[in-house]
Amino acid sequence: ETASTATLRLFSTTIETPMAATAFFGHFFLGIGPGIAFFLAVIAPKSFVVLLSFFSAFYWLLVLLVTSALFRGFVPLPSSQPSYAGALLAAVAIEEAARAGVWQMHKRTLSVLQGMSSSSGHLFTKLDELYLALGWGYGHAAVHVLFMFASLLPLTAGHGTAYSTACPQMSIFTVAALNSLGLGASLVALSVIAMEAWGRRSRLGAAYAPMVHAGAALLTIGSFRPGGCTAAVAAQLALGVVNTWYAASIVWKQGSSSSSSSSGGSAATHSHSLGSSADAQPMGLMPGDISSSGVAGGSWIAASDGGGTPAGQEAPAAIVSPRAGPPTSLRSRQS
């Protein structure tokens, strides 16, 4: 009997280990895998956005630590939905106030990068600004996933899973993974939406981010209602998809306008380079002060030669070939 019990225990251990690994990595790739894929595909190719994402994660980590320290005096909360809703709304208010600080740092970063781009001759477009907003949002989402879901992952490698009495359809770990996936997508998208709206001073667009953030936080309370976890999780994922589509439409629109403006800017730069040629001369114009040593004045004044612009008024310069000789008015003065 002792040998058979030991054999059964060994058999159950060999079965339990791959099941625990399947549960751990399954929930890991469900809740965190899409974020890692997004990082590798979109953010990793831009080194500065990678650094900004890490700085954003550190900033939001401090914000969440301060928030948890503030709530430490109010725990344990009463086991009621209104108390949970109040705590969530207070946490969202703190984070949205911290987002205003992100906006100030974002503006400072933009001014520095725009100055560096202008000095180096490169064009800093609106699409580049949205990439920076994407980095801020990714750091925010990563810290949320770390706090709300990654801390639960070690429990999935245990001897079983956990269910709540209100939601027997899905385990607590599955609900947490799906909620973190939907909320993380919303936080990344809301960063782009909010900073683009603040950049063009749109009050409606600026109010979108805190309202949707509060709604996404309140959706997690649906898991406490009997059978409500399926609808709440589905709504959370749908909200993440809608916000992602909204942010992607903004990026697409700004990218199209940036490409058209850059093509127009390159044509204007080419025209300006032709107009600034050292061999080109203004036609029908002469220096404001001519001496024996040549041009002493810095401005070109139109000469009154019976037509065109009257004397003493500024006239636009025209580009002519150097082989055309001096302007008509200048030849008459020289003769």
Protein backbone atom coordinates (compact mmCIF):
# COMPACT_ATOMS: atom_id res chain seq x y z
CA GLU A 1 0.00 0.00 0.00
CA THR A 2 2.87 2.35 0.78
CA ALA A 3 4.59 1.54 -2.52
CA SER A 4 1.38 2.06 -4.46
CA THR A 5 0.81 5.44 -2.77
CA ALA A 6 4.35 6.54 -3.60
CA THR A 7 3.90 5.42 -7.20
CA LEU A 8 0.61 7.34 -7.47
CA ARG A 9 2.21 10.44 -5.98
CA LEU A 10 5.12 10.22 -8.46
CA PHE A 11 2.67 9.78 -11.35
CA SER A 12 0.61 12.79 -10.28
CA THR A 13 3.78 14.87 -9.95
CA THR A 14 4.89 14.06 -13.50
CA ILE A 15 1.41 15.02 -14.77
CA GLU A 16 1.20 18.16 -12.65
CA THR A 17 4.48 19.69 -13.83
CA PRO A 18 3.60 20.04 -17.55
CA MET A 19 0.09 21.21 -16.61
CA ALA A 20 1.54 23.89 -14.36
CA ALA A 21 3.94 24.97 -17.11
CA THR A 22 1.06 25.09 -19.60
CA ALA A 23 -1.00 27.23 -17.25
CA PHE A 24 1.90 29.58 -16.52
CA PHE A 25 3.04 30.14 -20.10
CA GLY A 26 -0.49 30.11 -21.46
CA HIS A 27 -1.58 32.97 -19.21
CA PHE A 28 1.76 34.72 -19.74
CA PHE A 29 1.41 34.80 -23.52
CA LEU A 30 -2.27 35.67 -23.26
CA GLY A 31 -1.82 38.69 -21.03
CA ILE A 32 1.73 39.85 -21.85
CA GLY A 33 2.59 38.27 -25.22
CA PRO A 34 0.76 40.84 -27.42
CA GLY A 35 2.50 43.68 -25.60
CA ILE A 36 5.90 42.11 -26.17
CA ALA A 37 5.11 41.58 -29.86
CA PHE A 38 4.01 45.22 -30.16
CA PHE A 39 7.22 46.37 -28.51
CA LEU A 40 9.42 44.35 -30.86
CA ALA A 41 7.53 45.35 -34.00
CA VAL A 42 6.80 49.05 -33.40
CA ILE A 43 8.91 50.49 -30.58
CA ALA A 44 12.18 48.53 -30.70
CA PRO A 45 13.24 49.86 -34.15
CA LYS A 46 13.38 53.40 -32.70
CA SER A 47 16.03 53.61 -30.01
CA PHE A 48 14.90 56.93 -28.57
CA VAL A 49 11.33 55.67 -28.19
CA VAL A 50 12.70 52.61 -26.38
CA LEU A 51 14.50 54.85 -23.88
CA LEU A 52 11.40 56.98 -23.51
CA SER A 53 9.31 53.86 -22.81
CA PHE A 54 11.64 52.83 -20.00
CA PHE A 55 11.57 56.32 -18.52
CA SER A 56 7.77 56.34 -18.80
CA ALA A 57 7.57 52.98 -17.02
CA PHE A 58 9.71 54.33 -14.18
CA TYR A 59 7.54 57.44 -13.93
CA TRP A 60 4.28 55.49 -13.83
CA LEU A 61 5.77 53.02 -11.37
CA LEU A 62 6.35 55.92 -8.99
CA VAL A 63 2.79 57.13 -9.58
CA LEU A 64 1.28 53.73 -8.77
CA LEU A 65 3.49 53.34 -5.70
CA VAL A 66 2.33 56.73 -4.42
CA THR A 67 -1.28 55.75 -5.15
CA SER A 68 -0.96 52.46 -3.26
CA ALA A 69 0.66 54.29 -0.34
CA LEU A 70 -2.27 56.71 -0.20
CA PHE A 71 -4.80 53.86 -0.17
CA ARG A 72 -2.93 51.94 2.49
CA GLY A 73 -4.78 53.86 5.17
CA PHE A 74 -8.18 52.82 3.77
CA VAL A 75 -7.69 49.07 3.45
CA PRO A 76 -9.38 46.72 3.83
CA LEU A 77 -12.19 48.25 1.82
CA PRO A 78 -15.78 47.21 2.49
CA SER A 79 -16.81 44.29 0.30
CA SER A 80 -19.26 46.29 -1.81
CA GLN A 81 -19.25 47.51 -5.37
CA PRO A 82 -19.66 51.23 -4.47
CA SER A 83 -16.53 51.14 -2.31
CA TYR A 84 -14.55 49.45 -5.08
CA ALA A 85 -15.88 51.94 -7.63
CA GLY A 86 -14.86 54.87 -5.45
CA ALA A 87 -11.36 53.51 -5.02
CA LEU A 88 -10.99 52.93 -8.76
CA LEU A 89 -12.23 56.41 -9.66
CA ALA A 90 -9.85 57.97 -7.13
CA ALA A 91 -6.94 56.00 -8.60
CA VAL A 92 -7.93 57.07 -12.13
CA ALA A 93 -8.08 60.71 -11.01
CA ILE A 94 -4.54 60.46 -9.60
CA GLU A 95 -3.24 58.90 -12.82
CA GLU A 96 -4.93 61.50 -15.01
CA ALA A 97 -3.37 64.25 -12.90
CA ALA A 98 -0.02 62.53 -13.45
CA ARG A 99 -0.75 62.48 -17.18
CA ALA A 100 -0.69 66.29 -17.09
CA GLY A 101 2.89 66.03 -15.85
CA VAL A 102 3.64 63.67 -18.74
CA TRP A 103 2.29 66.31 -21.13
CA GLN A 104 4.68 68.93 -19.72
CA MET A 105 7.65 66.58 -20.10
CA HIS A 106 6.42 65.67 -23.57
CA LYS A 107 6.36 69.33 -24.65
CA ARG A 108 9.86 69.87 -23.28
CA THR A 109 11.12 66.80 -25.14
CA LEU A 110 9.51 68.02 -28.36
CA SER A 111 11.14 71.44 -28.12
CA VAL A 112 14.58 69.89 -27.61
CA LEU A 113 14.18 67.40 -30.45
CA GLN A 114 12.79 70.00 -32.83
CA GLY A 115 15.77 72.25 -32.13
CA MET A 116 18.18 69.40 -32.76
CA SER A 117 16.39 68.46 -35.98
CA SER A 118 16.40 72.01 -37.33
CA SER A 119 20.10 72.41 -36.56
CA SER A 120 20.95 69.14 -38.29
CA GLY A 121 18.75 69.83 -41.30
CA HIS A 122 16.26 67.05 -40.65
CA LEU A 123 12.48 67.36 -40.56
CA PHE A 124 10.68 66.56 -37.30
CA THR A 125 7.12 65.64 -38.30
CA LYS A 126 3.84 65.15 -36.48
CA LEU A 127 4.28 61.43 -36.93
CA ASP A 128 7.47 61.61 -34.87
CA GLU A 129 5.53 63.40 -32.13
CA LEU A 130 2.97 60.58 -32.09
CA TYR A 131 5.79 58.03 -31.77
CA LEU A 132 6.90 59.81 -28.60
CA ALA A 133 3.33 59.71 -27.28
CA LEU A 134 3.31 56.01 -28.07
CA GLY A 135 6.40 55.54 -25.92
CA TRP A 136 4.78 57.35 -23.00
CA GLY A 137 1.67 55.18 -23.30
CA TYR A 138 3.57 51.92 -23.60
CA GLY A 139 5.39 52.57 -20.33
CA HIS A 140 2.07 53.32 -18.65
CA ALA A 141 0.50 50.11 -19.93
CA ALA A 142 3.55 47.98 -19.05
CA VAL A 143 3.49 49.08 -15.42
CA HIS A 144 -0.25 48.43 -15.18
CA VAL A 145 0.20 44.91 -16.54
CA LEU A 146 3.07 44.37 -14.09
CA PHE A 147 0.98 45.47 -11.13
CA MET A 148 -2.39 43.95 -12.04
CA PHE A 149 -1.46 40.69 -13.71
CA ALA A 150 2.24 39.73 -13.68
CA SER A 151 2.18 39.58 -9.88
CA LEU A 152 -0.40 36.77 -10.15
CA LEU A 153 1.58 34.64 -12.60
CA PRO A 154 3.59 32.66 -10.00
CA LEU A 155 0.29 31.40 -8.55
CA THR A 156 -0.61 29.74 -11.86
CA ALA A 157 2.25 27.24 -11.38
CA GLY A 158 0.66 25.81 -8.27
CA HIS A 159 -1.33 22.64 -7.70
CA GLY A 160 -4.54 24.00 -9.23
CA THR A 161 -6.38 27.07 -10.39
CA ALA A 162 -8.70 29.51 -8.66
CA TYR A 163 -12.27 30.51 -9.45
CA SER A 164 -14.55 33.06 -7.87
CA THR A 165 -18.08 32.13 -6.88
CA ALA A 166 -19.45 34.96 -9.03
CA CYS A 167 -17.57 33.80 -12.15
CA PRO A 168 -17.29 30.02 -12.47
CA GLN A 169 -16.94 30.31 -16.26
CA MET A 170 -13.32 31.51 -16.20
CA SER A 171 -10.50 31.27 -13.70
CA ILE A 172 -9.25 34.35 -11.88
CA PHE A 173 -6.01 34.18 -13.85
CA THR A 174 -7.78 34.10 -17.21
CA VAL A 175 -9.95 37.06 -16.24
CA ALA A 176 -6.89 39.00 -15.07
CA ALA A 177 -4.98 38.19 -18.28
CA LEU A 178 -7.79 39.34 -20.56
CA ASN A 179 -8.49 42.45 -18.51
CA SER A 180 -4.82 43.43 -18.56
CA LEU A 181 -4.71 42.86 -22.32
CA GLY A 182 -7.71 45.10 -23.00
CA LEU A 183 -6.73 47.77 -20.48
CA GLY A 184 -3.13 47.82 -21.70
CA ALA A 185 -4.23 48.39 -25.29
CA SER A 186 -6.50 51.22 -24.11
CA LEU A 187 -3.74 52.91 -22.11
CA VAL A 188 -1.31 52.90 -25.04
CA ALA A 189 -3.97 54.29 -27.37
CA LEU A 190 -5.23 56.88 -24.87
CA SER A 191 -1.74 58.34 -24.57
CA VAL A 192 -1.65 59.01 -28.31
CA ILE A 193 -5.22 60.35 -28.31
CA ALA A 194 -4.73 62.64 -25.32
CA MET A 195 -1.42 64.18 -26.43
CA GLU A 196 -2.65 64.74 -29.96
CA ALA A 197 -5.75 66.46 -28.56
CA TRP A 198 -3.71 68.59 -26.16
CA GLY A 199 -1.42 69.56 -29.01
CA ARG A 200 -4.30 71.02 -31.02
CA ARG A 201 -6.07 72.35 -27.87
CA SER A 202 -9.18 70.23 -28.29
CA ARG A 203 -11.16 70.08 -25.05
CA LEU A 204 -13.38 67.27 -26.27
CA GLY A 205 -10.42 65.16 -27.31
CA ALA A 206 -8.60 65.91 -24.05
CA ALA A 207 -11.67 64.80 -22.05
CA TYR A 208 -11.87 61.53 -23.97
CA ALA A 209 -8.87 59.93 -22.26
CA PRO A 210 -9.96 60.34 -18.60
CA MET A 211 -13.55 59.33 -19.35
CA VAL A 212 -12.55 56.17 -21.20
CA HIS A 213 -9.91 55.37 -18.58
CA ALA A 214 -12.54 55.60 -15.84
CA GLY A 215 -14.93 53.44 -17.84
CA ALA A 216 -12.30 50.77 -18.44
CA ALA A 217 -11.46 50.69 -14.74
CA LEU A 218 -15.12 50.36 -13.75
CA LEU A 219 -15.60 47.47 -16.16
CA THR A 220 -13.42 45.29 -13.93
CA ILE A 221 -16.09 45.46 -11.22
CA GLY A 222 -18.39 43.47 -13.51
CA SER A 223 -16.52 40.33 -12.52
CA PHE A 224 -18.02 40.60 -9.01
CA ARG A 225 -21.54 40.16 -10.32
CA PRO A 226 -22.85 36.62 -10.81
CA GLY A 227 -21.98 35.61 -14.36
CA GLY A 228 -20.84 39.12 -15.19
CA CYS A 229 -17.20 38.35 -15.87
CA THR A 230 -17.80 37.17 -19.44
CA ALA A 231 -19.62 40.34 -20.44
CA ALA A 232 -17.18 42.58 -18.56
CA VAL A 233 -14.12 40.95 -20.11
CA ALA A 234 -15.66 41.09 -23.59
CA ALA A 235 -16.46 44.79 -23.11
CA GLN A 236 -12.92 45.46 -21.90
CA LEU A 237 -11.42 43.83 -24.97
CA ALA A 238 -13.85 45.62 -27.28
CA LEU A 239 -12.97 48.95 -25.68
CA GLY A 240 -9.28 48.23 -26.25
CA VAL A 241 -9.95 47.47 -29.93
CA VAL A 242 -11.98 50.69 -30.39
CA ASN A 243 -9.32 52.84 -28.74
CA THR A 244 -6.58 51.18 -30.78
CA TRP A 245 -8.53 51.86 -33.97
CA TYR A 246 -9.04 55.49 -32.96
CA ALA A 247 -5.34 56.01 -32.23
CA ALA A 248 -4.36 54.20 -35.45
CA SER A 249 -6.63 56.50 -37.47
CA ILE A 250 -4.91 59.52 -35.91
CA VAL A 251 -1.48 58.11 -36.74
CA TRP A 252 -2.57 57.31 -40.30
CA LYS A 253 -3.97 60.81 -40.81
CA GLN A 254 -0.92 62.53 -39.39
CA GLY A 255 1.40 60.25 -41.35
CA SER A 256 -0.35 61.11 -44.62
CA SER A 257 -0.19 64.85 -43.92
CA SER A 258 3.45 64.58 -42.87
CA SER A 259 4.42 62.77 -46.07
CA SER A 260 2.67 65.36 -48.23
CA SER A 261 4.20 68.27 -46.32
CA SER A 262 7.68 66.74 -46.49
CA SER A 263 7.40 66.33 -50.26
CA GLY A 264 6.26 69.94 -50.57
CA GLY A 265 9.04 71.06 -48.25
CA SER A 266 11.67 69.31 -50.33
CA ALA A 267 10.39 71.06 -53.47
CA ALA A 268 10.47 74.42 -51.68
CA THR A 269 13.99 73.74 -50.46
CA HIS A 270 15.09 72.96 -54.01
CA SER A 271 13.53 76.20 -55.28
CA HIS A 272 15.20 78.16 -52.50
CA SER A 273 18.57 76.63 -53.28
CA LEU A 274 18.19 77.73 -56.90
CA GLY A 275 17.21 81.23 -55.86
CA SER A 276 20.16 81.56 -53.52
CA SER A 277 22.77 80.79 -56.18
CA ALA A 278 25.76 83.09 -56.07
CA ASP A 279 25.65 83.62 -59.85
CA ALA A 280 22.05 84.85 -59.95
CA GLN A 281 21.32 88.58 -60.15
CA PRO A 282 18.15 90.57 -59.51
CA MET A 283 16.68 92.10 -62.67
CA GLY A 284 15.34 95.66 -62.73
CA LEU A 285 16.80 96.38 -59.30
CA MET A 286 19.84 98.16 -58.04
CA PRO A 287 21.58 98.77 -54.73
CA GLY A 288 20.20 101.48 -52.51
CA ASP A 289 23.63 103.18 -52.39
CA ILE A 290 26.22 102.87 -55.15
CA SER A 291 29.72 104.16 -54.77
CA SER A 292 32.86 103.70 -56.75
CA SER A 293 33.64 100.57 -54.80
CA GLY A 294 30.36 98.91 -55.81
CA VAL A 295 27.41 98.02 -53.62
CA ALA A 296 27.45 99.68 -50.23
CA GLY A 297 23.78 99.43 -49.28
CA GLY A 298 22.20 96.21 -48.16
CA SER A 299 18.74 96.60 -49.76
CA TRP A 300 17.68 96.63 -53.36
CA ILE A 301 15.56 99.62 -54.44
CA ALA A 302 13.62 99.73 -57.69
CA ALA A 303 14.83 102.41 -60.10
CA SER A 304 12.32 104.61 -61.84
CA ASP A 305 12.83 103.99 -65.52
CA GLY A 306 9.42 104.95 -66.78
CA GLY A 307 7.74 101.70 -65.93
CA GLY A 308 7.32 99.01 -63.30
CA THR A 309 7.72 99.91 -59.62
CA PRO A 310 8.21 103.63 -58.80
CA ALA A 311 11.52 104.76 -57.40
CA GLY A 312 12.00 104.39 -53.66
CA GLN A 313 9.73 101.35 -53.30
CA GLU A 314 10.89 97.80 -52.70
CA ALA A 315 10.27 95.33 -55.46
CA PRO A 316 10.64 91.54 -55.51
CA ALA A 317 13.83 90.16 -56.98
CA ALA A 318 13.77 88.02 -60.11
CA ILE A 319 16.27 85.36 -61.04
CA VAL A 320 18.04 85.78 -64.39
CA SER A 321 20.98 84.17 -66.08
CA PRO A 322 24.38 85.73 -65.38
CA ARG A 323 25.00 85.80 -69.15
CA ALA A 324 22.12 88.24 -69.63
CA GLY A 325 24.32 91.13 -68.51
CA PRO A 326 23.47 93.82 -66.00
CA PRO A 327 19.87 94.97 -65.57
CA THR A 328 18.48 97.67 -67.86
CA SER A 329 18.39 100.35 -65.19
CA LEU A 330 21.95 99.53 -64.14
CA ARG A 331 23.19 99.79 -67.76
CA SER A 332 21.57 103.19 -68.08
CA ARG A 333 23.29 104.37 -64.88
CA GLN A 334 26.63 102.98 -65.98
CA SER A 335 26.38 104.62 -69.39
